Amino acid sequence: MCDFCDKGKVLLEKEVISSCSWGFSEEPIPISDTFNDKLICFIDKRREKAYLRLTDEDDNQCIESGVKVEIAYCPKCGKKIGS
């Protein structure tokens, strides 16, 4: 049994500094408008499909958040997991 494709363990995680501003201004973003965030990469299985997803740790329930790539095999153990 694979921890990553069977149990949903996080493959990679990275702490990043995010900001409340979208950055459309040339003004520097004040430190008070920044916060620490964590990006995670994990295998998300939905129905007969599997995805490698990179998303915010706190906002990963919706398949539309973050970046997703459909996969057919687990990148760790090689087991077929997608359609």
PDB file of N, CA and C in Angstrom:
ATOM      1  N   MET A   1       0.847  -1.174   0.000  1.00  0.00           N
ATOM      2  CA  MET A   1       0.000   0.000   0.000  1.00  0.00           C
ATOM      3  C   MET A   1       0.899   1.246   0.000  1.00  0.00           C
ATOM      4  N   CYS A   2       0.642   2.142  -0.929  1.00  0.00           N
ATOM      5  CA  CYS A   2       1.444   3.354  -1.092  1.00  0.00           C
ATOM      6  C   CYS A   2       0.864   4.493  -0.248  1.00  0.00           C
ATOM      7  N   ASP A   3       1.723   5.181   0.489  1.00  0.00           N
ATOM      8  CA  ASP A   3       1.281   6.317   1.310  1.00  0.00           C
ATOM      9  C   ASP A   3       0.747   7.465   0.459  1.00  0.00           C
ATOM     10  N   PHE A   4       1.226   7.584  -0.767  1.00  0.00           N
ATOM     11  CA  PHE A   4       0.902   8.743  -1.590  1.00  0.00           C
ATOM     12  C   PHE A   4      -0.361   8.544  -2.437  1.00  0.00           C
ATOM     13  N   CYS A   5      -0.492   7.410  -3.108  1.00  0.00           N
ATOM     14  CA  CYS A   5      -1.673   7.230  -3.960  1.00  0.00           C
ATOM     15  C   CYS A   5      -2.821   6.530  -3.232  1.00  0.00           C
ATOM     16  N   ASP A   6      -2.542   5.791  -2.176  1.00  0.00           N
ATOM     17  CA  ASP A   6      -3.610   5.117  -1.446  1.00  0.00           C
ATOM     18  C   ASP A   6      -4.069   5.888  -0.209  1.00  0.00           C
ATOM     19  N   LYS A   7      -3.133   6.558   0.451  1.00  0.00           N
ATOM     20  CA  LYS A   7      -3.464   7.237   1.711  1.00  0.00           C
ATOM     21  C   LYS A   7      -3.512   8.755   1.601  1.00  0.00           C
ATOM     22  N   GLY A   8      -3.141   9.323   0.436  1.00  0.00           N
ATOM     23  CA  GLY A   8      -3.241  10.766   0.231  1.00  0.00           C
ATOM     24  C   GLY A   8      -2.166  11.594   0.898  1.00  0.00           C
ATOM     25  N   LYS A   9      -1.028  10.981   1.217  1.00  0.00           N
ATOM     26  CA  LYS A   9       0.065  11.730   1.840  1.00  0.00           C
ATOM     27  C   LYS A   9       0.587  12.788   0.867  1.00  0.00           C
ATOM     28  N   VAL A  10       0.992  13.935   1.397  1.00  0.00           N
ATOM     29  CA  VAL A  10       1.504  15.044   0.592  1.00  0.00           C
ATOM     30  C   VAL A  10       2.869  14.665   0.009  1.00  0.00           C
ATOM     31  N   LEU A  11       3.020  14.877  -1.307  1.00  0.00           N
ATOM     32  CA  LEU A  11       4.282  14.588  -1.985  1.00  0.00           C
ATOM     33  C   LEU A  11       5.343  15.645  -1.674  1.00  0.00           C
ATOM     34  N   LEU A  12       4.963  16.902  -1.798  1.00  0.00           N
ATOM     35  CA  LEU A  12       5.869  18.034  -1.570  1.00  0.00           C
ATOM     36  C   LEU A  12       5.106  19.145  -0.869  1.00  0.00           C
ATOM     37  N   GLU A  13       5.815  19.910  -0.059  1.00  0.00           N
ATOM     38  CA  GLU A  13       5.202  21.107   0.518  1.00  0.00           C
ATOM     39  C   GLU A  13       6.240  22.214   0.576  1.00  0.00           C
ATOM     40  N   LYS A  14       5.769  23.441   0.409  1.00  0.00           N
ATOM     41  CA  LYS A  14       6.659  24.594   0.358  1.00  0.00           C
ATOM     42  C   LYS A  14       5.982  25.777   1.011  1.00  0.00           C
ATOM     43  N   GLU A  15       6.660  26.389   1.967  1.00  0.00           N
ATOM     44  CA  GLU A  15       6.126  27.616   2.569  1.00  0.00           C
ATOM     45  C   GLU A  15       6.471  28.790   1.660  1.00  0.00           C
ATOM     46  N   VAL A  16       5.482  29.648   1.441  1.00  0.00           N
ATOM     47  CA  VAL A  16       5.651  30.813   0.575  1.00  0.00           C
ATOM     48  C   VAL A  16       5.102  32.046   1.282  1.00  0.00           C
ATOM     49  N   ILE A  17       5.521  33.189   0.822  1.00  0.00           N
ATOM     50  CA  ILE A  17       4.965  34.448   1.317  1.00  0.00           C
ATOM     51  C   ILE A  17       3.962  34.929   0.291  1.00  0.00           C
ATOM     52  N   SER A  18       2.743  35.127   0.716  1.00  0.00           N
ATOM     53  CA  SER A  18       1.678  35.598  -0.157  1.00  0.00           C
ATOM     54  C   SER A  18       1.316  37.020   0.244  1.00  0.00           C
ATOM     55  N   SER A  19       0.524  37.654  -0.596  1.00  0.00           N
ATOM     56  CA  SER A  19       0.092  39.008  -0.266  1.00  0.00           C
ATOM     57  C   SER A  19      -1.388  39.159  -0.544  1.00  0.00           C
ATOM     58  N   CYS A  20      -1.986  40.131   0.101  1.00  0.00           N
ATOM     59  CA  CYS A  20      -3.404  40.410  -0.103  1.00  0.00           C
ATOM     60  C   CYS A  20      -3.620  41.216  -1.380  1.00  0.00           C
ATOM     61  N   SER A  21      -2.577  41.811  -1.907  1.00  0.00           N
ATOM     62  CA  SER A  21      -2.678  42.642  -3.103  1.00  0.00           C
ATOM     63  C   SER A  21      -2.447  41.780  -4.340  1.00  0.00           C
ATOM     64  N   TRP A  22      -3.113  42.127  -5.439  1.00  0.00           N
ATOM     65  CA  TRP A  22      -2.900  41.401  -6.690  1.00  0.00           C
ATOM     66  C   TRP A  22      -1.682  41.934  -7.431  1.00  0.00           C
ATOM     67  N   GLY A  23      -1.066  43.001  -6.928  1.00  0.00           N
ATOM     68  CA  GLY A  23       0.162  43.507  -7.531  1.00  0.00           C
ATOM     69  C   GLY A  23      -0.040  44.337  -8.781  1.00  0.00           C
ATOM     70  N   PHE A  24      -1.195  44.981  -8.926  1.00  0.00           N
ATOM     71  CA  PHE A  24      -1.435  45.807 -10.102  1.00  0.00           C
ATOM     72  C   PHE A  24      -0.848  47.212  -9.947  1.00  0.00           C
ATOM     73  N   SER A  25      -0.265  47.465  -8.822  1.00  0.00           N
ATOM     74  CA  SER A  25       0.301  48.783  -8.555  1.00  0.00           C
ATOM     75  C   SER A  25       1.818  48.686  -8.548  1.00  0.00           C
ATOM     76  N   GLU A  26       2.467  49.795  -8.787  1.00  0.00           N
ATOM     77  CA  GLU A  26       3.927  49.810  -8.701  1.00  0.00           C
ATOM     78  C   GLU A  26       4.397  50.137  -7.287  1.00  0.00           C
ATOM     79  N   GLU A  27       3.461  50.412  -6.397  1.00  0.00           N
ATOM     80  CA  GLU A  27       3.789  50.680  -5.003  1.00  0.00           C
ATOM     81  C   GLU A  27       4.240  49.379  -4.336  1.00  0.00           C
ATOM     82  N   PRO A  28       5.232  49.439  -3.459  1.00  0.00           N
ATOM     83  CA  PRO A  28       5.629  48.227  -2.748  1.00  0.00           C
ATOM     84  C   PRO A  28       4.513  47.748  -1.817  1.00  0.00           C
ATOM     85  N   ILE A  29       4.420  46.454  -1.637  1.00  0.00           N
ATOM     86  CA  ILE A  29       3.415  45.883  -0.743  1.00  0.00           C
ATOM     87  C   ILE A  29       3.945  45.967   0.683  1.00  0.00           C
ATOM     88  N   PRO A  30       3.217  46.611   1.589  1.00  0.00           N
ATOM     89  CA  PRO A  30       3.693  46.700   2.971  1.00  0.00           C
ATOM     90  C   PRO A  30       3.713  45.321   3.635  1.00  0.00           C
ATOM     91  N   ILE A  31       4.619  45.121   4.547  1.00  0.00           N
ATOM     92  CA  ILE A  31       4.764  43.844   5.234  1.00  0.00           C
ATOM     93  C   ILE A  31       3.476  43.438   5.952  1.00  0.00           C
ATOM     94  N   SER A  32       2.673  44.413   6.358  1.00  0.00           N
ATOM     95  CA  SER A  32       1.417  44.108   7.046  1.00  0.00           C
ATOM     96  C   SER A  32       0.400  43.435   6.127  1.00  0.00           C
ATOM     97  N   ASP A  33       0.581  43.563   4.798  1.00  0.00           N
ATOM     98  CA  ASP A  33      -0.331  42.944   3.835  1.00  0.00           C
ATOM     99  C   ASP A  33       0.167  41.586   3.335  1.00  0.00           C
ATOM    100  N   THR A  34       1.203  41.057   3.940  1.00  0.00           N
ATOM    101  CA  THR A  34       1.713  39.747   3.528  1.00  0.00           C
ATOM    102  C   THR A  34       1.420  38.712   4.607  1.00  0.00           C
ATOM    103  N   PHE A  35       1.444  37.445   4.225  1.00  0.00           N
ATOM    104  CA  PHE A  35       1.225  36.368   5.185  1.00  0.00           C
ATOM    105  C   PHE A  35       1.923  35.106   4.695  1.00  0.00           C
ATOM    106  N   ASN A  36       2.243  34.232   5.606  1.00  0.00           N
ATOM    107  CA  ASN A  36       2.854  32.955   5.256  1.00  0.00           C
ATOM    108  C   ASN A  36       1.775  31.996   4.805  1.00  0.00           C
ATOM    109  N   ASP A  37       2.076  31.236   3.788  1.00  0.00           N
ATOM    110  CA  ASP A  37       1.138  30.281   3.235  1.00  0.00           C
ATOM    111  C   ASP A  37       1.912  29.012   2.921  1.00  0.00           C
ATOM    112  N   LYS A  38       1.209  27.908   2.704  1.00  0.00           N
ATOM    113  CA  LYS A  38       1.880  26.664   2.369  1.00  0.00           C
ATOM    114  C   LYS A  38       1.245  26.064   1.121  1.00  0.00           C
ATOM    115  N   LEU A  39       2.091  25.820   0.105  1.00  0.00           N
ATOM    116  CA  LEU A  39       1.647  25.119  -1.093  1.00  0.00           C
ATOM    117  C   LEU A  39       1.952  23.642  -0.920  1.00  0.00           C
ATOM    118  N   ILE A  40       1.023  22.789  -1.369  1.00  0.00           N
ATOM    119  CA  ILE A  40       1.231  21.350  -1.277  1.00  0.00           C
ATOM    120  C   ILE A  40       0.999  20.703  -2.634  1.00  0.00           C
ATOM    121  N   CYS A  41       1.676  19.594  -2.860  1.00  0.00           N
ATOM    122  CA  CYS A  41       1.499  18.790  -4.062  1.00  0.00           C
ATOM    123  C   CYS A  41       1.082  17.402  -3.607  1.00  0.00           C
ATOM    124  N   PHE A  42      -0.038  16.907  -4.135  1.00  0.00           N
ATOM    125  CA  PHE A  42      -0.551  15.610  -3.724  1.00  0.00           C
ATOM    126  C   PHE A  42      -1.329  14.969  -4.867  1.00  0.00           C
ATOM    127  N   ILE A  43      -1.647  13.687  -4.712  1.00  0.00           N
ATOM    128  CA  ILE A  43      -2.446  12.958  -5.696  1.00  0.00           C
ATOM    129  C   ILE A  43      -3.897  13.037  -5.258  1.00  0.00           C
ATOM    130  N   ASP A  44      -4.741  13.516  -6.151  1.00  0.00           N
ATOM    131  CA  ASP A  44      -6.169  13.665  -5.879  1.00  0.00           C
ATOM    132  C   ASP A  44      -6.923  12.700  -6.799  1.00  0.00           C
ATOM    133  N   LYS A  45      -7.589  11.714  -6.211  1.00  0.00           N
ATOM    134  CA  LYS A  45      -8.352  10.739  -7.001  1.00  0.00           C
ATOM    135  C   LYS A  45      -9.826  11.118  -6.949  1.00  0.00           C
ATOM    136  N   ARG A  46     -10.428  11.229  -8.129  1.00  0.00           N
ATOM    137  CA  ARG A  46     -11.846  11.574  -8.256  1.00  0.00           C
ATOM    138  C   ARG A  46     -12.467  10.686  -9.319  1.00  0.00           C
ATOM    139  N   ARG A  47     -13.417   9.870  -8.884  1.00  0.00           N
ATOM    140  CA  ARG A  47     -14.074   8.888  -9.755  1.00  0.00           C
ATOM    141  C   ARG A  47     -13.012   8.008 -10.407  1.00  0.00           C
ATOM    142  N   GLU A  48     -12.949   7.930 -11.729  1.00  0.00           N
ATOM    143  CA  GLU A  48     -11.946   7.081 -12.379  1.00  0.00           C
ATOM    144  C   GLU A  48     -10.698   7.848 -12.790  1.00  0.00           C
ATOM    145  N   LYS A  49     -10.561   9.082 -12.379  1.00  0.00           N
ATOM    146  CA  LYS A  49      -9.405   9.889 -12.774  1.00  0.00           C
ATOM    147  C   LYS A  49      -8.557  10.218 -11.562  1.00  0.00           C
ATOM    148  N   ALA A  50      -7.282  10.481 -11.828  1.00  0.00           N
ATOM    149  CA  ALA A  50      -6.351  10.900 -10.775  1.00  0.00           C
ATOM    150  C   ALA A  50      -5.585  12.120 -11.274  1.00  0.00           C
ATOM    151  N   TYR A  51      -5.295  13.025 -10.352  1.00  0.00           N
ATOM    152  CA  TYR A  51      -4.617  14.259 -10.703  1.00  0.00           C
ATOM    153  C   TYR A  51      -3.449  14.496  -9.750  1.00  0.00           C
ATOM    154  N   LEU A  52      -2.381  15.025 -10.282  1.00  0.00           N
ATOM    155  CA  LEU A  52      -1.300  15.553  -9.475  1.00  0.00           C
ATOM    156  C   LEU A  52      -1.638  17.028  -9.292  1.00  0.00           C
ATOM    157  N   ARG A  53      -1.832  17.458  -8.043  1.00  0.00           N
ATOM    158  CA  ARG A  53      -2.312  18.818  -7.795  1.00  0.00           C
ATOM    159  C   ARG A  53      -1.326  19.629  -6.980  1.00  0.00           C
ATOM    160  N   LEU A  54      -1.157  20.877  -7.374  1.00  0.00           N
ATOM    161  CA  LEU A  54      -0.370  21.858  -6.630  1.00  0.00           C
ATOM    162  C   LEU A  54      -1.348  22.949  -6.228  1.00  0.00           C
ATOM    163  N   THR A  55      -1.536  23.101  -4.916  1.00  0.00           N
ATOM    164  CA  THR A  55      -2.555  24.037  -4.445  1.00  0.00           C
ATOM    165  C   THR A  55      -2.227  24.525  -3.043  1.00  0.00           C
ATOM    166  N   ASP A  56      -2.956  25.517  -2.608  1.00  0.00           N
ATOM    167  CA  ASP A  56      -2.835  26.059  -1.260  1.00  0.00           C
ATOM    168  C   ASP A  56      -3.330  25.013  -0.258  1.00  0.00           C
ATOM    169  N   GLU A  57      -2.609  24.850   0.829  1.00  0.00           N
ATOM    170  CA  GLU A  57      -2.973  23.855   1.843  1.00  0.00           C
ATOM    171  C   GLU A  57      -4.377  24.095   2.404  1.00  0.00           C
ATOM    172  N   ASP A  58      -4.771  25.349   2.547  1.00  0.00           N
ATOM    173  CA  ASP A  58      -6.058  25.678   3.149  1.00  0.00           C
ATOM    174  C   ASP A  58      -7.206  25.713   2.141  1.00  0.00           C
ATOM    175  N   ASP A  59      -6.908  25.628   0.851  1.00  0.00           N
ATOM    176  CA  ASP A  59      -7.943  25.758  -0.169  1.00  0.00           C
ATOM    177  C   ASP A  59      -7.765  24.671  -1.227  1.00  0.00           C
ATOM    178  N   ASN A  60      -7.862  23.393  -0.827  1.00  0.00           N
ATOM    179  CA  ASN A  60      -7.627  22.323  -1.787  1.00  0.00           C
ATOM    180  C   ASN A  60      -8.822  21.392  -1.974  1.00  0.00           C
ATOM    181  N   GLN A  61      -9.966  21.748  -1.440  1.00  0.00           N
ATOM    182  CA  GLN A  61     -11.131  20.880  -1.563  1.00  0.00           C
ATOM    183  C   GLN A  61     -11.744  20.934  -2.966  1.00  0.00           C
ATOM    184  N   CYS A  62     -11.716  22.090  -3.583  1.00  0.00           N
ATOM    185  CA  CYS A  62     -12.288  22.262  -4.917  1.00  0.00           C
ATOM    186  C   CYS A  62     -11.242  21.886  -5.970  1.00  0.00           C
ATOM    187  N   ILE A  63     -11.611  21.047  -6.936  1.00  0.00           N
ATOM    188  CA  ILE A  63     -10.683  20.614  -7.978  1.00  0.00           C
ATOM    189  C   ILE A  63     -10.219  21.793  -8.835  1.00  0.00           C
ATOM    190  N   GLU A  64     -10.966  22.893  -8.834  1.00  0.00           N
ATOM    191  CA  GLU A  64     -10.606  24.051  -9.651  1.00  0.00           C
ATOM    192  C   GLU A  64      -9.526  24.923  -9.015  1.00  0.00           C
ATOM    193  N   SER A  65      -9.237  24.734  -7.730  1.00  0.00           N
ATOM    194  CA  SER A  65      -8.212  25.571  -7.103  1.00  0.00           C
ATOM    195  C   SER A  65      -6.830  25.018  -7.422  1.00  0.00           C
ATOM    196  N   GLY A  66      -5.887  25.918  -7.619  1.00  0.00           N
ATOM    197  CA  GLY A  66      -4.513  25.513  -7.900  1.00  0.00           C
ATOM    198  C   GLY A  66      -4.331  25.007  -9.313  1.00  0.00           C
ATOM    199  N   VAL A  67      -3.318  24.160  -9.479  1.00  0.00           N
ATOM    200  CA  VAL A  67      -2.969  23.598 -10.782  1.00  0.00           C
ATOM    201  C   VAL A  67      -3.155  22.091 -10.705  1.00  0.00           C
ATOM    202  N   LYS A  68      -3.730  21.496 -11.756  1.00  0.00           N
ATOM    203  CA  LYS A  68      -3.914  20.045 -11.749  1.00  0.00           C
ATOM    204  C   LYS A  68      -3.447  19.466 -13.082  1.00  0.00           C
ATOM    205  N   VAL A  69      -2.849  18.269 -13.007  1.00  0.00           N
ATOM    206  CA  VAL A  69      -2.413  17.547 -14.192  1.00  0.00           C
ATOM    207  C   VAL A  69      -2.941  16.127 -14.056  1.00  0.00           C
ATOM    208  N   GLU A  70      -3.685  15.661 -15.053  1.00  0.00           N
ATOM    209  CA  GLU A  70      -4.206  14.303 -14.991  1.00  0.00           C
ATOM    210  C   GLU A  70      -3.053  13.313 -15.142  1.00  0.00           C
ATOM    211  N   ILE A  71      -3.048  12.286 -14.279  1.00  0.00           N
ATOM    212  CA  ILE A  71      -2.008  11.261 -14.317  1.00  0.00           C
ATOM    213  C   ILE A  71      -2.652   9.880 -14.379  1.00  0.00           C
ATOM    214  N   ALA A  72      -1.909   8.914 -14.876  1.00  0.00           N
ATOM    215  CA  ALA A  72      -2.407   7.542 -14.957  1.00  0.00           C
ATOM    216  C   ALA A  72      -1.667   6.621 -13.998  1.00  0.00           C
ATOM    217  N   TYR A  73      -0.493   7.039 -13.526  1.00  0.00           N
ATOM    218  CA  TYR A  73       0.323   6.205 -12.645  1.00  0.00           C
ATOM    219  C   TYR A  73       0.835   7.037 -11.476  1.00  0.00           C
ATOM    220  N   CYS A  74       1.014   6.387 -10.334  1.00  0.00           N
ATOM    221  CA  CYS A  74       1.574   7.050  -9.160  1.00  0.00           C
ATOM    222  C   CYS A  74       3.043   7.377  -9.428  1.00  0.00           C
ATOM    223  N   PRO A  75       3.468   8.624  -9.207  1.00  0.00           N
ATOM    224  CA  PRO A  75       4.865   8.980  -9.434  1.00  0.00           C
ATOM    225  C   PRO A  75       5.827   8.359  -8.410  1.00  0.00           C
ATOM    226  N   LYS A  76       5.324   7.846  -7.309  1.00  0.00           N
ATOM    227  CA  LYS A  76       6.181   7.246  -6.274  1.00  0.00           C
ATOM    228  C   LYS A  76       6.305   5.738  -6.441  1.00  0.00           C
ATOM    229  N   CYS A  77       5.177   5.027  -6.580  1.00  0.00           N
ATOM    230  CA  CYS A  77       5.232   3.554  -6.624  1.00  0.00           C
ATOM    231  C   CYS A  77       5.019   2.977  -8.012  1.00  0.00           C
ATOM    232  N   GLY A  78       4.506   3.777  -8.957  1.00  0.00           N
ATOM    233  CA  GLY A  78       4.305   3.312 -10.325  1.00  0.00           C
ATOM    234  C   GLY A  78       3.001   2.573 -10.566  1.00  0.00           C
ATOM    235  N   LYS A  79       2.164   2.449  -9.546  1.00  0.00           N
ATOM    236  CA  LYS A  79       0.898   1.738  -9.702  1.00  0.00           C
ATOM    237  C   LYS A  79      -0.068   2.523 -10.588  1.00  0.00           C
ATOM    238  N   LYS A  80      -0.831   1.823 -11.446  1.00  0.00           N
ATOM    239  CA  LYS A  80      -1.824   2.473 -12.294  1.00  0.00           C
ATOM    240  C   LYS A  80      -2.961   2.963 -11.391  1.00  0.00           C
ATOM    241  N   ILE A  81      -3.261   4.269 -11.477  1.00  0.00           N
ATOM    242  CA  ILE A  81      -4.318   4.837 -10.624  1.00  0.00           C
ATOM    243  C   ILE A  81      -5.359   5.604 -11.426  1.00  0.00           C
ATOM    244  N   GLY A  82      -5.041   6.041 -12.624  1.00  0.00           N
ATOM    245  CA  GLY A  82      -5.988   6.789 -13.430  1.00  0.00           C
ATOM    246  C   GLY A  82      -6.665   5.904 -14.458  1.00  0.00           C
ATOM    247  N   SER A  83      -7.537   6.513 -15.247  1.00  0.00           N
ATOM    248  CA  SER A  83      -8.236   5.736 -16.270  1.00  0.00           C
ATOM    249  C   SER A  83      -7.374   5.512 -17.498  1.00  0.00           C
TER     250      SER A  83
END
